[in-house]
Amino acid sequence: MTRDYREKDVDGMIFKASAPLPKPCKITVRMTSDKLGQTLSLTGGNTMLVIPLEKVRDIIRVAESEENK
């Protein structure tokens, strides 16, 4: 299996407990698929969150089925 890597920057918002209001922020969305599995990462500012994509596949299916209605 080869490595599949995709990346896209989108406009989003960042919420911080120390700030009273959310701030607009560029969010980088990355998806990686290789022999170890699939991951989804979101990076905004100096924070990155990474999760196994397999754990949210059910949520993605719901969103895709809503688009097809």
PDB file of N, CA and C in Angstrom:
ATOM      1  N   MET A   1       0.848  -1.184   0.000  1.00  0.00           N
ATOM      2  CA  MET A   1       0.000   0.000   0.000  1.00  0.00           C
ATOM      3  C   MET A   1       0.891   1.244   0.000  1.00  0.00           C
ATOM      4  N   THR A   2       0.566   2.163  -0.864  1.00  0.00           N
ATOM      5  CA  THR A   2       1.310   3.415  -0.894  1.00  0.00           C
ATOM      6  C   THR A   2       0.677   4.415   0.062  1.00  0.00           C
ATOM      7  N   ARG A   3       1.398   5.450   0.331  1.00  0.00           N
ATOM      8  CA  ARG A   3       0.921   6.494   1.236  1.00  0.00           C
ATOM      9  C   ARG A   3       0.089   7.497   0.446  1.00  0.00           C
ATOM     10  N   ASP A   4      -1.108   7.802   0.936  1.00  0.00           N
ATOM     11  CA  ASP A   4      -1.977   8.806   0.338  1.00  0.00           C
ATOM     12  C   ASP A   4      -2.048   9.971   1.321  1.00  0.00           C
ATOM     13  N   TYR A   5      -1.707  11.166   0.860  1.00  0.00           N
ATOM     14  CA  TYR A   5      -1.663  12.342   1.721  1.00  0.00           C
ATOM     15  C   TYR A   5      -2.371  13.484   1.018  1.00  0.00           C
ATOM     16  N   ARG A   6      -3.305  14.099   1.722  1.00  0.00           N
ATOM     17  CA  ARG A   6      -4.021  15.246   1.162  1.00  0.00           C
ATOM     18  C   ARG A   6      -4.074  16.356   2.186  1.00  0.00           C
ATOM     19  N   GLU A   7      -4.047  17.591   1.709  1.00  0.00           N
ATOM     20  CA  GLU A   7      -4.032  18.749   2.599  1.00  0.00           C
ATOM     21  C   GLU A   7      -4.825  19.884   1.963  1.00  0.00           C
ATOM     22  N   LYS A   8      -5.562  20.603   2.806  1.00  0.00           N
ATOM     23  CA  LYS A   8      -6.344  21.739   2.314  1.00  0.00           C
ATOM     24  C   LYS A   8      -6.475  22.769   3.422  1.00  0.00           C
ATOM     25  N   ASP A   9      -6.320  24.048   3.085  1.00  0.00           N
ATOM     26  CA  ASP A   9      -6.535  25.138   4.035  1.00  0.00           C
ATOM     27  C   ASP A   9      -7.953  25.663   3.866  1.00  0.00           C
ATOM     28  N   VAL A  10      -8.642  25.853   4.985  1.00  0.00           N
ATOM     29  CA  VAL A  10     -10.008  26.377   4.962  1.00  0.00           C
ATOM     30  C   VAL A  10     -10.131  27.485   6.008  1.00  0.00           C
ATOM     31  N   ASP A  11     -11.111  28.361   5.808  1.00  0.00           N
ATOM     32  CA  ASP A  11     -11.394  29.392   6.804  1.00  0.00           C
ATOM     33  C   ASP A  11     -12.192  28.757   7.927  1.00  0.00           C
ATOM     34  N   GLY A  12     -11.779  29.005   9.157  1.00  0.00           N
ATOM     35  CA  GLY A  12     -12.469  28.447  10.308  1.00  0.00           C
ATOM     36  C   GLY A  12     -12.423  29.415  11.472  1.00  0.00           C
ATOM     37  N   MET A  13     -12.669  28.900  12.654  1.00  0.00           N
ATOM     38  CA  MET A  13     -12.664  29.701  13.874  1.00  0.00           C
ATOM     39  C   MET A  13     -11.862  28.957  14.921  1.00  0.00           C
ATOM     40  N   ILE A  14     -11.213  29.709  15.792  1.00  0.00           N
ATOM     41  CA  ILE A  14     -10.506  29.115  16.911  1.00  0.00           C
ATOM     42  C   ILE A  14     -11.097  29.684  18.199  1.00  0.00           C
ATOM     43  N   PHE A  15     -11.378  28.786  19.126  1.00  0.00           N
ATOM     44  CA  PHE A  15     -11.951  29.155  20.415  1.00  0.00           C
ATOM     45  C   PHE A  15     -10.913  28.885  21.493  1.00  0.00           C
ATOM     46  N   LYS A  16     -10.677  29.850  22.355  1.00  0.00           N
ATOM     47  CA  LYS A  16      -9.743  29.666  23.462  1.00  0.00           C
ATOM     48  C   LYS A  16     -10.464  30.003  24.755  1.00  0.00           C
ATOM     49  N   ALA A  17     -10.199  29.227  25.786  1.00  0.00           N
ATOM     50  CA  ALA A  17     -10.821  29.473  27.079  1.00  0.00           C
ATOM     51  C   ALA A  17     -10.429  30.841  27.626  1.00  0.00           C
ATOM     52  N   SER A  18      -9.260  31.326  27.263  1.00  0.00           N
ATOM     53  CA  SER A  18      -8.772  32.606  27.788  1.00  0.00           C
ATOM     54  C   SER A  18      -9.307  33.813  27.020  1.00  0.00           C
ATOM     55  N   ALA A  19     -10.002  33.582  25.901  1.00  0.00           N
ATOM     56  CA  ALA A  19     -10.518  34.694  25.097  1.00  0.00           C
ATOM     57  C   ALA A  19     -12.041  34.697  25.127  1.00  0.00           C
ATOM     58  N   PRO A  20     -12.649  35.861  25.224  1.00  0.00           N
ATOM     59  CA  PRO A  20     -14.104  35.917  25.329  1.00  0.00           C
ATOM     60  C   PRO A  20     -14.834  35.569  24.032  1.00  0.00           C
ATOM     61  N   LEU A  21     -14.187  35.769  22.888  1.00  0.00           N
ATOM     62  CA  LEU A  21     -14.848  35.529  21.605  1.00  0.00           C
ATOM     63  C   LEU A  21     -13.971  34.676  20.694  1.00  0.00           C
ATOM     64  N   PRO A  22     -14.596  33.885  19.807  1.00  0.00           N
ATOM     65  CA  PRO A  22     -13.796  33.124  18.837  1.00  0.00           C
ATOM     66  C   PRO A  22     -13.138  34.071  17.838  1.00  0.00           C
ATOM     67  N   LYS A  23     -12.027  33.620  17.251  1.00  0.00           N
ATOM     68  CA  LYS A  23     -11.317  34.410  16.255  1.00  0.00           C
ATOM     69  C   LYS A  23     -11.262  33.640  14.941  1.00  0.00           C
ATOM     70  N   PRO A  24     -11.444  34.346  13.822  1.00  0.00           N
ATOM     71  CA  PRO A  24     -11.240  33.686  12.527  1.00  0.00           C
ATOM     72  C   PRO A  24      -9.818  33.160  12.442  1.00  0.00           C
ATOM     73  N   CYS A  25      -9.667  32.016  11.800  1.00  0.00           N
ATOM     74  CA  CYS A  25      -8.358  31.371  11.737  1.00  0.00           C
ATOM     75  C   CYS A  25      -8.307  30.460  10.519  1.00  0.00           C
ATOM     76  N   LYS A  26      -7.165  30.437   9.838  1.00  0.00           N
ATOM     77  CA  LYS A  26      -6.949  29.438   8.789  1.00  0.00           C
ATOM     78  C   LYS A  26      -6.748  28.096   9.464  1.00  0.00           C
ATOM     79  N   ILE A  27      -7.478  27.095   9.026  1.00  0.00           N
ATOM     80  CA  ILE A  27      -7.349  25.737   9.544  1.00  0.00           C
ATOM     81  C   ILE A  27      -6.814  24.864   8.418  1.00  0.00           C
ATOM     82  N   THR A  28      -5.737  24.133   8.691  1.00  0.00           N
ATOM     83  CA  THR A  28      -5.203  23.187   7.722  1.00  0.00           C
ATOM     84  C   THR A  28      -5.744  21.802   8.070  1.00  0.00           C
ATOM     85  N   VAL A  29      -6.431  21.199   7.097  1.00  0.00           N
ATOM     86  CA  VAL A  29      -7.000  19.862   7.259  1.00  0.00           C
ATOM     87  C   VAL A  29      -6.118  18.903   6.477  1.00  0.00           C
ATOM     88  N   ARG A  30      -5.662  17.833   7.144  1.00  0.00           N
ATOM     89  CA  ARG A  30      -4.823  16.834   6.484  1.00  0.00           C
ATOM     90  C   ARG A  30      -5.414  15.444   6.689  1.00  0.00           C
ATOM     91  N   MET A  31      -5.330  14.627   5.642  1.00  0.00           N
ATOM     92  CA  MET A  31      -5.721  13.238   5.714  1.00  0.00           C
ATOM     93  C   MET A  31      -4.547  12.417   5.204  1.00  0.00           C
ATOM     94  N   THR A  32      -4.168  11.423   5.981  1.00  0.00           N
ATOM     95  CA  THR A  32      -3.085  10.529   5.582  1.00  0.00           C
ATOM     96  C   THR A  32      -3.572   9.091   5.671  1.00  0.00           C
ATOM     97  N   SER A  33      -3.253   8.314   4.669  1.00  0.00           N
ATOM     98  CA  SER A  33      -3.599   6.896   4.652  1.00  0.00           C
ATOM     99  C   SER A  33      -2.363   6.117   4.234  1.00  0.00           C
ATOM    100  N   ASP A  34      -1.975   5.139   5.071  1.00  0.00           N
ATOM    101  CA  ASP A  34      -0.835   4.290   4.740  1.00  0.00           C
ATOM    102  C   ASP A  34      -1.039   2.928   5.393  1.00  0.00           C
ATOM    103  N   LYS A  35       0.002   2.107   5.410  1.00  0.00           N
ATOM    104  CA  LYS A  35      -0.133   0.750   5.944  1.00  0.00           C
ATOM    105  C   LYS A  35      -0.457   0.732   7.436  1.00  0.00           C
ATOM    106  N   LEU A  36      -0.203   1.835   8.135  1.00  0.00           N
ATOM    107  CA  LEU A  36      -0.500   1.908   9.566  1.00  0.00           C
ATOM    108  C   LEU A  36      -1.944   2.297   9.859  1.00  0.00           C
ATOM    109  N   GLY A  37      -2.629   2.870   8.869  1.00  0.00           N
ATOM    110  CA  GLY A  37      -4.014   3.286   9.055  1.00  0.00           C
ATOM    111  C   GLY A  37      -4.265   4.645   8.430  1.00  0.00           C
ATOM    112  N   GLN A  38      -5.348   5.281   8.870  1.00  0.00           N
ATOM    113  CA  GLN A  38      -5.726   6.582   8.337  1.00  0.00           C
ATOM    114  C   GLN A  38      -5.827   7.577   9.488  1.00  0.00           C
ATOM    115  N   THR A  39      -5.361   8.798   9.239  1.00  0.00           N
ATOM    116  CA  THR A  39      -5.470   9.837  10.258  1.00  0.00           C
ATOM    117  C   THR A  39      -6.056  11.103   9.649  1.00  0.00           C
ATOM    118  N   LEU A  40      -6.723  11.865  10.495  1.00  0.00           N
ATOM    119  CA  LEU A  40      -7.244  13.169  10.140  1.00  0.00           C
ATOM    120  C   LEU A  40      -6.643  14.155  11.126  1.00  0.00           C
ATOM    121  N   SER A  41      -6.056  15.237  10.624  1.00  0.00           N
ATOM    122  CA  SER A  41      -5.499  16.242  11.530  1.00  0.00           C
ATOM    123  C   SER A  41      -6.011  17.618  11.160  1.00  0.00           C
ATOM    124  N   LEU A  42      -6.196  18.435  12.181  1.00  0.00           N
ATOM    125  CA  LEU A  42      -6.615  19.828  12.028  1.00  0.00           C
ATOM    126  C   LEU A  42      -5.571  20.686  12.730  1.00  0.00           C
ATOM    127  N   THR A  43      -5.051  21.683  12.022  1.00  0.00           N
ATOM    128  CA  THR A  43      -4.071  22.581  12.600  1.00  0.00           C
ATOM    129  C   THR A  43      -4.586  24.009  12.487  1.00  0.00           C
ATOM    130  N   GLY A  44      -4.622  24.696  13.622  1.00  0.00           N
ATOM    131  CA  GLY A  44      -5.002  26.101  13.671  1.00  0.00           C
ATOM    132  C   GLY A  44      -4.063  26.810  14.626  1.00  0.00           C
ATOM    133  N   GLY A  45      -3.402  27.856  14.140  1.00  0.00           N
ATOM    134  CA  GLY A  45      -2.416  28.529  14.981  1.00  0.00           C
ATOM    135  C   GLY A  45      -1.297  27.563  15.299  1.00  0.00           C
ATOM    136  N   ASN A  46      -0.973  27.436  16.571  1.00  0.00           N
ATOM    137  CA  ASN A  46       0.112  26.524  16.960  1.00  0.00           C
ATOM    138  C   ASN A  46      -0.417  25.249  17.612  1.00  0.00           C
ATOM    139  N   THR A  47      -1.680  24.893  17.301  1.00  0.00           N
ATOM    140  CA  THR A  47      -2.290  23.689  17.866  1.00  0.00           C
ATOM    141  C   THR A  47      -2.662  22.710  16.761  1.00  0.00           C
ATOM    142  N   MET A  48      -2.300  21.442  16.953  1.00  0.00           N
ATOM    143  CA  MET A  48      -2.688  20.391  16.007  1.00  0.00           C
ATOM    144  C   MET A  48      -3.408  19.295  16.767  1.00  0.00           C
ATOM    145  N   LEU A  49      -4.533  18.867  16.219  1.00  0.00           N
ATOM    146  CA  LEU A  49      -5.287  17.729  16.739  1.00  0.00           C
ATOM    147  C   LEU A  49      -5.220  16.619  15.704  1.00  0.00           C
ATOM    148  N   VAL A  50      -4.922  15.400  16.126  1.00  0.00           N
ATOM    149  CA  VAL A  50      -4.816  14.257  15.220  1.00  0.00           C
ATOM    150  C   VAL A  50      -5.667  13.130  15.774  1.00  0.00           C
ATOM    151  N   ILE A  51      -6.492  12.528  14.891  1.00  0.00           N
ATOM    152  CA  ILE A  51      -7.330  11.398  15.305  1.00  0.00           C
ATOM    153  C   ILE A  51      -7.253  10.302  14.248  1.00  0.00           C
ATOM    154  N   PRO A  52      -7.503   9.052  14.666  1.00  0.00           N
ATOM    155  CA  PRO A  52      -7.617   7.990  13.673  1.00  0.00           C
ATOM    156  C   PRO A  52      -8.925   8.182  12.897  1.00  0.00           C
ATOM    157  N   LEU A  53      -8.836   8.256  11.589  1.00  0.00           N
ATOM    158  CA  LEU A  53     -10.003   8.497  10.749  1.00  0.00           C
ATOM    159  C   LEU A  53     -11.041   7.382  10.877  1.00  0.00           C
ATOM    160  N   GLU A  54     -10.576   6.179  11.120  1.00  0.00           N
ATOM    161  CA  GLU A  54     -11.500   5.049  11.246  1.00  0.00           C
ATOM    162  C   GLU A  54     -12.498   5.261  12.389  1.00  0.00           C
ATOM    163  N   LYS A  55     -12.107   6.007  13.426  1.00  0.00           N
ATOM    164  CA  LYS A  55     -12.971   6.220  14.593  1.00  0.00           C
ATOM    165  C   LYS A  55     -14.128   7.172  14.322  1.00  0.00           C
ATOM    166  N   VAL A  56     -14.078   7.928  13.217  1.00  0.00           N
ATOM    167  CA  VAL A  56     -15.162   8.869  12.901  1.00  0.00           C
ATOM    168  C   VAL A  56     -15.816   8.573  11.553  1.00  0.00           C
ATOM    169  N   ARG A  57     -15.531   7.406  11.013  1.00  0.00           N
ATOM    170  CA  ARG A  57     -16.108   7.041   9.715  1.00  0.00           C
ATOM    171  C   ARG A  57     -17.635   7.092   9.740  1.00  0.00           C
ATOM    172  N   ASP A  58     -18.254   6.720  10.866  1.00  0.00           N
ATOM    173  CA  ASP A  58     -19.713   6.762  10.968  1.00  0.00           C
ATOM    174  C   ASP A  58     -20.237   8.191  10.851  1.00  0.00           C
ATOM    175  N   ILE A  59     -19.531   9.151  11.397  1.00  0.00           N
ATOM    176  CA  ILE A  59     -19.940  10.558  11.293  1.00  0.00           C
ATOM    177  C   ILE A  59     -19.808  11.035   9.847  1.00  0.00           C
ATOM    178  N   ILE A  60     -18.744  10.633   9.182  1.00  0.00           N
ATOM    179  CA  ILE A  60     -18.533  11.025   7.792  1.00  0.00           C
ATOM    180  C   ILE A  60     -19.634  10.436   6.916  1.00  0.00           C
ATOM    181  N   ARG A  61     -20.014   9.192   7.172  1.00  0.00           N
ATOM    182  CA  ARG A  61     -21.096   8.570   6.393  1.00  0.00           C
ATOM    183  C   ARG A  61     -22.397   9.345   6.550  1.00  0.00           C
ATOM    184  N   VAL A  62     -22.710   9.782   7.759  1.00  0.00           N
ATOM    185  CA  VAL A  62     -23.933  10.551   7.993  1.00  0.00           C
ATOM    186  C   VAL A  62     -23.894  11.842   7.187  1.00  0.00           C
ATOM    187  N   ALA A  63     -22.774  12.546   7.215  1.00  0.00           N
ATOM    188  CA  ALA A  63     -22.642  13.796   6.462  1.00  0.00           C
ATOM    189  C   ALA A  63     -22.776  13.549   4.967  1.00  0.00           C
ATOM    190  N   GLU A  64     -22.172  12.477   4.465  1.00  0.00           N
ATOM    191  CA  GLU A  64     -22.267  12.159   3.039  1.00  0.00           C
ATOM    192  C   GLU A  64     -23.703  11.804   2.643  1.00  0.00           C
ATOM    193  N   SER A  65     -24.409  11.067   3.484  1.00  0.00           N
ATOM    194  CA  SER A  65     -25.797  10.704   3.155  1.00  0.00           C
ATOM    195  C   SER A  65     -26.698  11.932   3.172  1.00  0.00           C
ATOM    196  N   GLU A  66     -26.429  12.902   4.043  1.00  0.00           N
ATOM    197  CA  GLU A  66     -27.205  14.147   4.080  1.00  0.00           C
ATOM    198  C   GLU A  66     -27.005  14.950   2.804  1.00  0.00           C
ATOM    199  N   GLU A  67     -25.789  14.922   2.264  1.00  0.00           N
ATOM    200  CA  GLU A  67     -25.500  15.645   1.017  1.00  0.00           C
ATOM    201  C   GLU A  67     -26.256  15.053  -0.162  1.00  0.00           C
ATOM    202  N   ASN A  68     -26.534  13.770  -0.138  1.00  0.00           N
ATOM    203  CA  ASN A  68     -27.169  13.082  -1.251  1.00  0.00           C
ATOM    204  C   ASN A  68     -28.692  13.144  -1.214  1.00  0.00           C
ATOM    205  N   LYS A  69     -29.260  13.824  -0.238  1.00  0.00           N
ATOM    206  CA  LYS A  69     -30.727  13.940  -0.153  1.00  0.00           C
ATOM    207  C   LYS A  69     -31.242  14.998  -1.065  1.00  0.00           C
TER     208      LYS A  69
END
